[in-house]
Protein backbone atom coordinates (compact mmCIF):
# COMPACT_ATOMS: atom_id res chain seq x y z
CA UNK A 1 0.00 0.00 0.00
CA UNK A 2 1.43 3.46 -0.93
CA UNK A 3 2.62 5.58 2.02
CA UNK A 4 0.18 8.41 1.23
CA UNK A 5 -2.73 5.95 1.28
CA UNK A 6 -1.62 4.66 4.69
CA UNK A 7 -1.43 8.23 6.03
CA UNK A 8 -4.89 9.00 4.63
CA UNK A 9 -6.36 5.88 6.24
CA UNK A 10 -4.73 6.73 9.55
CA UNK A 11 -6.08 10.29 9.53
CA UNK A 12 -9.64 9.25 8.64
CA UNK A 13 -9.54 6.38 11.10
CA UNK A 14 -8.28 8.67 13.89
CA UNK A 15 -11.14 11.10 13.23
CA UNK A 16 -13.75 8.34 13.46
CA UNK A 17 -12.14 6.89 16.59
CA UNK A 18 -12.13 10.29 18.33
CA UNK A 19 -15.77 10.90 17.44
CA UNK A 20 -16.81 7.36 18.39
CA UNK A 21 -15.05 7.45 21.76
CA UNK A 22 -16.54 10.85 22.58
CA UNK A 23 -20.02 9.62 21.67
CA UNK A 24 -19.60 6.45 23.73
CA UNK A 25 -18.51 8.48 26.78
CA UNK A 26 -21.30 11.01 26.30
CA UNK A 27 -23.85 8.25 25.87
CA UNK A 28 -22.66 6.38 28.97
CA UNK A 29 -22.96 9.56 31.05
CA UNK A 30 -26.42 10.30 29.62
CA UNK A 31 -29.67 8.66 30.77
CA UNK A 32 -30.14 5.02 29.83
CA UNK A 33 -33.41 4.64 31.71
CA UNK A 34 -36.31 7.04 32.24
CA UNK A 35 -39.53 6.63 34.22
CA UNK A 36 -42.21 8.70 35.89
CA UNK A 37 -42.21 8.43 39.69
CA UNK A 38 -45.26 9.20 41.84
CA UNK A 39 -47.26 9.81 38.65
CA UNK A 40 -45.68 13.22 38.00
CA UNK A 41 -41.92 13.26 38.64
CA UNK A 42 -39.64 12.35 35.71
CA UNK A 43 -36.54 10.45 36.82
CA UNK A 44 -33.58 9.54 34.58
CA UNK A 45 -30.78 7.11 35.41
CA UNK A 46 -27.35 7.62 33.76
CA UNK A 47 -25.85 4.65 31.98
CA UNK A 48 -22.69 4.80 34.10
CA UNK A 49 -24.74 3.60 37.11
CA UNK A 50 -25.39 0.29 35.34
CA UNK A 51 -22.71 -2.39 34.95
CA UNK A 52 -22.80 -2.29 31.16
CA UNK A 53 -22.74 1.51 31.16
CA UNK A 54 -19.67 1.58 33.37
CA UNK A 55 -17.88 -0.82 31.04
CA UNK A 56 -18.81 1.29 28.00
CA UNK A 57 -17.56 4.42 29.76
CA UNK A 58 -14.26 2.71 30.57
CA UNK A 59 -13.86 1.57 26.95
CA UNK A 60 -14.44 5.09 25.63
CA UNK A 61 -11.95 6.59 28.09
CA UNK A 62 -9.30 3.98 27.19
CA UNK A 63 -9.69 4.77 23.50
CA UNK A 64 -9.19 8.49 24.14
CA UNK A 65 -6.23 7.89 26.46
CA UNK A 66 -4.20 6.00 23.87
CA UNK A 67 -5.97 2.91 22.63
CA UNK A 68 -6.85 4.88 19.47
CA UNK A 69 -3.24 4.45 18.30
CA UNK A 70 -4.09 0.85 17.49
CA UNK A 71 -7.18 0.48 15.27
CA UNK A 72 -7.11 -3.26 15.96
CA UNK A 73 -7.54 -2.75 19.71
CA UNK A 74 -10.23 -0.12 19.03
CA UNK A 75 -12.02 -2.64 16.83
CA UNK A 76 -12.02 -5.13 19.70
CA UNK A 77 -13.24 -2.43 22.11
CA UNK A 78 -16.05 -1.54 19.68
CA UNK A 79 -17.22 -5.16 19.46
CA UNK A 80 -17.28 -5.48 23.24
CA UNK A 81 -19.14 -2.16 23.56
CA UNK A 82 -21.78 -3.28 21.07
CA UNK A 83 -22.22 -6.46 23.08
CA UNK A 84 -22.64 -4.51 26.32
CA UNK A 85 -25.18 -2.18 24.70
CA UNK A 86 -27.25 -5.11 23.41
CA UNK A 87 -27.15 -6.72 26.86
CA UNK A 88 -28.19 -3.42 28.46
CA UNK A 89 -31.34 -3.25 26.33
CA UNK A 90 -32.58 -6.23 28.35
CA UNK A 91 -30.78 -5.69 31.64
CA UNK A 92 -31.58 -1.99 32.19
CA UNK A 93 -35.41 -2.37 32.12
CA UNK A 94 -35.11 -5.48 34.27
CA UNK A 95 -33.07 -3.64 36.90
CA UNK A 96 -35.43 -0.65 36.88
CA UNK A 97 -38.50 -2.85 37.33
CA UNK A 98 -36.74 -4.79 40.08
CA UNK A 99 -36.07 -1.58 42.02
CA UNK A 100 -39.61 -0.30 41.48
CA UNK A 101 -41.18 -3.55 42.67
CA UNK A 102 -38.86 -3.71 45.69
CA UNK A 103 -39.72 -0.15 46.70
CA UNK A 104 -43.42 -0.78 46.18
CA UNK A 105 -43.28 -3.84 48.44
CA UNK A 106 -41.51 -1.79 51.11
CA UNK A 107 -44.43 0.66 51.03
CA UNK A 108 -46.99 -2.10 51.56
CA UNK A 109 -47.47 -1.41 55.33
CA UNK A 110 -47.94 2.30 54.64
CA UNK A 111 -50.50 1.63 51.92
CA UNK A 112 -52.46 -0.67 54.25
CA UNK A 113 -52.61 2.14 56.77
CA UNK A 114 -53.75 4.60 54.10
CA UNK A 115 -56.50 2.19 53.04
CA UNK A 116 -57.99 2.37 56.53
CA UNK A 117 -58.51 6.09 56.03
CA UNK A 118 -59.69 5.66 52.45
CA UNK A 119 -56.61 7.43 51.07
CA UNK A 120 -55.16 6.42 47.72
CA UNK A 121 -52.16 4.12 47.85
CA UNK A 122 -48.67 5.48 47.19
CA UNK A 123 -47.60 4.10 43.82
CA UNK A 124 -43.91 4.59 43.02
CA UNK A 125 -44.10 3.90 39.28
CA UNK A 126 -45.82 1.73 36.72
CA UNK A 127 -43.60 -1.36 36.55
CA UNK A 128 -45.83 -3.01 33.94
CA UNK A 129 -44.68 -0.68 31.15
CA UNK A 130 -42.97 -2.31 28.12
CA UNK A 131 -39.19 -2.48 28.29
CA UNK A 132 -38.73 -0.20 25.29
CA UNK A 133 -40.56 2.64 27.05
CA UNK A 134 -38.10 2.54 29.95
CA UNK A 135 -35.02 3.08 27.74
CA UNK A 136 -33.59 6.59 27.32
CA UNK A 137 -31.66 8.11 24.35
CA UNK A 138 -28.24 7.70 25.99
CA UNK A 139 -28.23 4.00 25.16
CA UNK A 140 -28.74 4.75 21.48
CA UNK A 141 -25.94 7.35 21.51
CA UNK A 142 -23.58 4.79 23.02
CA UNK A 143 -24.54 2.30 20.33
CA UNK A 144 -23.85 4.85 17.56
CA UNK A 145 -20.49 5.69 19.14
CA UNK A 146 -19.56 2.01 19.18
CA UNK A 147 -20.47 1.76 15.48
CA UNK A 148 -18.16 4.72 14.74
CA UNK A 149 -15.40 2.96 16.67
CA UNK A 150 -16.04 -0.18 14.66
CA UNK A 151 -15.88 1.72 11.36
CA UNK A 152 -12.76 3.62 12.40
CA UNK A 153 -11.08 0.39 13.46
CA UNK A 154 -11.91 -1.33 10.17
CA UNK A 155 -10.69 1.60 8.06
CA UNK A 156 -7.46 1.94 10.00
CA UNK A 157 -6.79 -1.80 10.25
CA UNK A 158 -4.50 -1.98 7.15
CA UNK A 159 -2.24 0.66 8.74
CA UNK A 160 -2.36 -0.78 12.26
CA UNK A 161 1.15 -1.52 13.62
CA UNK A 162 0.04 -4.80 15.19
CA UNK A 163 -1.72 -5.95 12.01
CA UNK A 164 1.26 -4.94 9.84
CA UNK A 165 3.65 -6.82 12.12
CA UNK A 166 1.46 -9.92 12.11
CA UNK A 167 1.07 -9.78 8.33
CA UNK A 168 4.81 -9.37 7.81
CA UNK A 169 5.68 -12.44 9.84
CA UNK A 170 2.79 -14.72 8.88
CA UNK A 171 1.87 -13.88 5.26
CA UNK A 172 3.30 -16.20 2.63
CA UNK A 173 4.34 -15.59 -0.97
CA UNK A 174 3.72 -18.14 -3.72
CA UNK A 175 5.83 -18.99 -6.76
CA UNK A 176 3.82 -18.66 -9.98
CA UNK A 177 5.89 -21.44 -11.60
CA UNK A 178 5.94 -24.31 -9.06
CA UNK A 179 3.47 -23.03 -6.39
CA UNK A 180 6.07 -23.25 -3.63
CA UNK A 181 5.45 -20.90 -0.69
CA UNK A 182 7.68 -18.98 1.73
CA UNK A 183 7.29 -16.22 4.30
CA UNK A 184 6.95 -12.73 2.82
CA UNK A 185 9.34 -11.47 5.48
CA UNK A 186 12.06 -13.45 3.69
CA UNK A 187 13.76 -11.54 0.87
CA UNK A 188 13.52 -13.82 -2.17
CA UNK A 189 14.11 -12.54 -5.70
CA UNK A 190 14.09 -16.13 -6.93
CA UNK A 191 12.04 -19.14 -5.88
CA UNK A 192 13.93 -21.30 -3.35
CA UNK A 193 12.50 -24.46 -4.96
CA UNK A 194 12.71 -23.94 -8.74
CA UNK A 195 14.99 -20.91 -9.08
CA UNK A 196 12.56 -18.91 -11.23
CA UNK A 197 12.13 -15.16 -10.72
CA UNK A 198 9.56 -14.11 -8.15
CA UNK A 199 8.81 -10.85 -10.01
CA UNK A 200 5.23 -10.45 -11.31
CA UNK A 201 4.46 -12.02 -14.67
CA UNK A 202 3.82 -8.65 -16.34
CA UNK A 203 7.48 -7.62 -15.83
CA UNK A 204 10.38 -8.24 -18.23
CA UNK A 205 12.95 -10.80 -17.06
CA UNK A 206 16.47 -11.77 -18.03
CA UNK A 207 16.67 -15.14 -19.82
CA UNK A 208 19.92 -15.96 -17.99
CA UNK A 209 19.36 -14.94 -14.35
CA UNK A 210 15.63 -14.17 -14.49
CA UNK A 211 16.29 -10.75 -12.95
CA UNK A 212 13.80 -7.94 -13.59
CA UNK A 213 14.45 -5.75 -16.65
CA UNK A 214 13.24 -2.40 -17.86
CA UNK A 215 11.45 -2.33 -21.20
CA UNK A 216 14.26 -0.33 -22.84
CA UNK A 217 17.18 -2.27 -21.29
CA UNK A 218 19.67 -3.83 -23.72
CA UNK A 219 21.67 -5.56 -20.98
CA UNK A 220 20.67 -7.15 -17.69
CA UNK A 221 21.54 -5.00 -14.68
CA UNK A 222 21.93 -8.13 -12.52
CA UNK A 223 24.23 -10.38 -14.54
CA UNK A 224 25.27 -8.23 -17.51
CA UNK A 225 23.89 -10.58 -20.14
CA UNK A 226 22.47 -9.08 -23.30
CA UNK A 227 18.73 -9.05 -23.47
CA UNK A 228 17.56 -11.94 -25.60
CA UNK A 229 20.82 -13.89 -25.31
């Protein structure tokens, strides 16, 4: 990949990773749950107070602190964040309803006393509401931030130092003549099995040493043989 293309990928990836991490942090600090208490009071619960929200907040902070230098690690963080967000869509309403029911049960003696005086019971909140109605926008913002992290990680992956190192030491080249393979990290101008040139087929090659030639060359720059001899 040309150096300018790598720089362009890194710049665009860094922009997406910054935006994604900021959105994840903002979403985790924003309300993930919202309900009406005592029939008139609106109460919101930040995502950071839930287990999944705290993990998402930590992931966003780590990306901003330095994890963004490795798109591969950001990609992993994005996948984990998406998993936590999906789990929170079930866990957050369950936790809210659990707290509402527990509080309502604690008020049972008081409500019995109020019944004796024909006073309406104290109802904390309606715990029978559908789960989707208990979710607040912060959860969606966190999800969008994780998607930006995922996109930034994928775009920057070809320029990631860890990915480049792994590719260099694990990728294999193949001879187009005998199909033998060897590690790309090994400098090989000629196949170690058949001795043919490893240059692409669309290049000109010396008939003697199989070295690469320019189209206007009259002599081989590797062995000195005349072209065509």
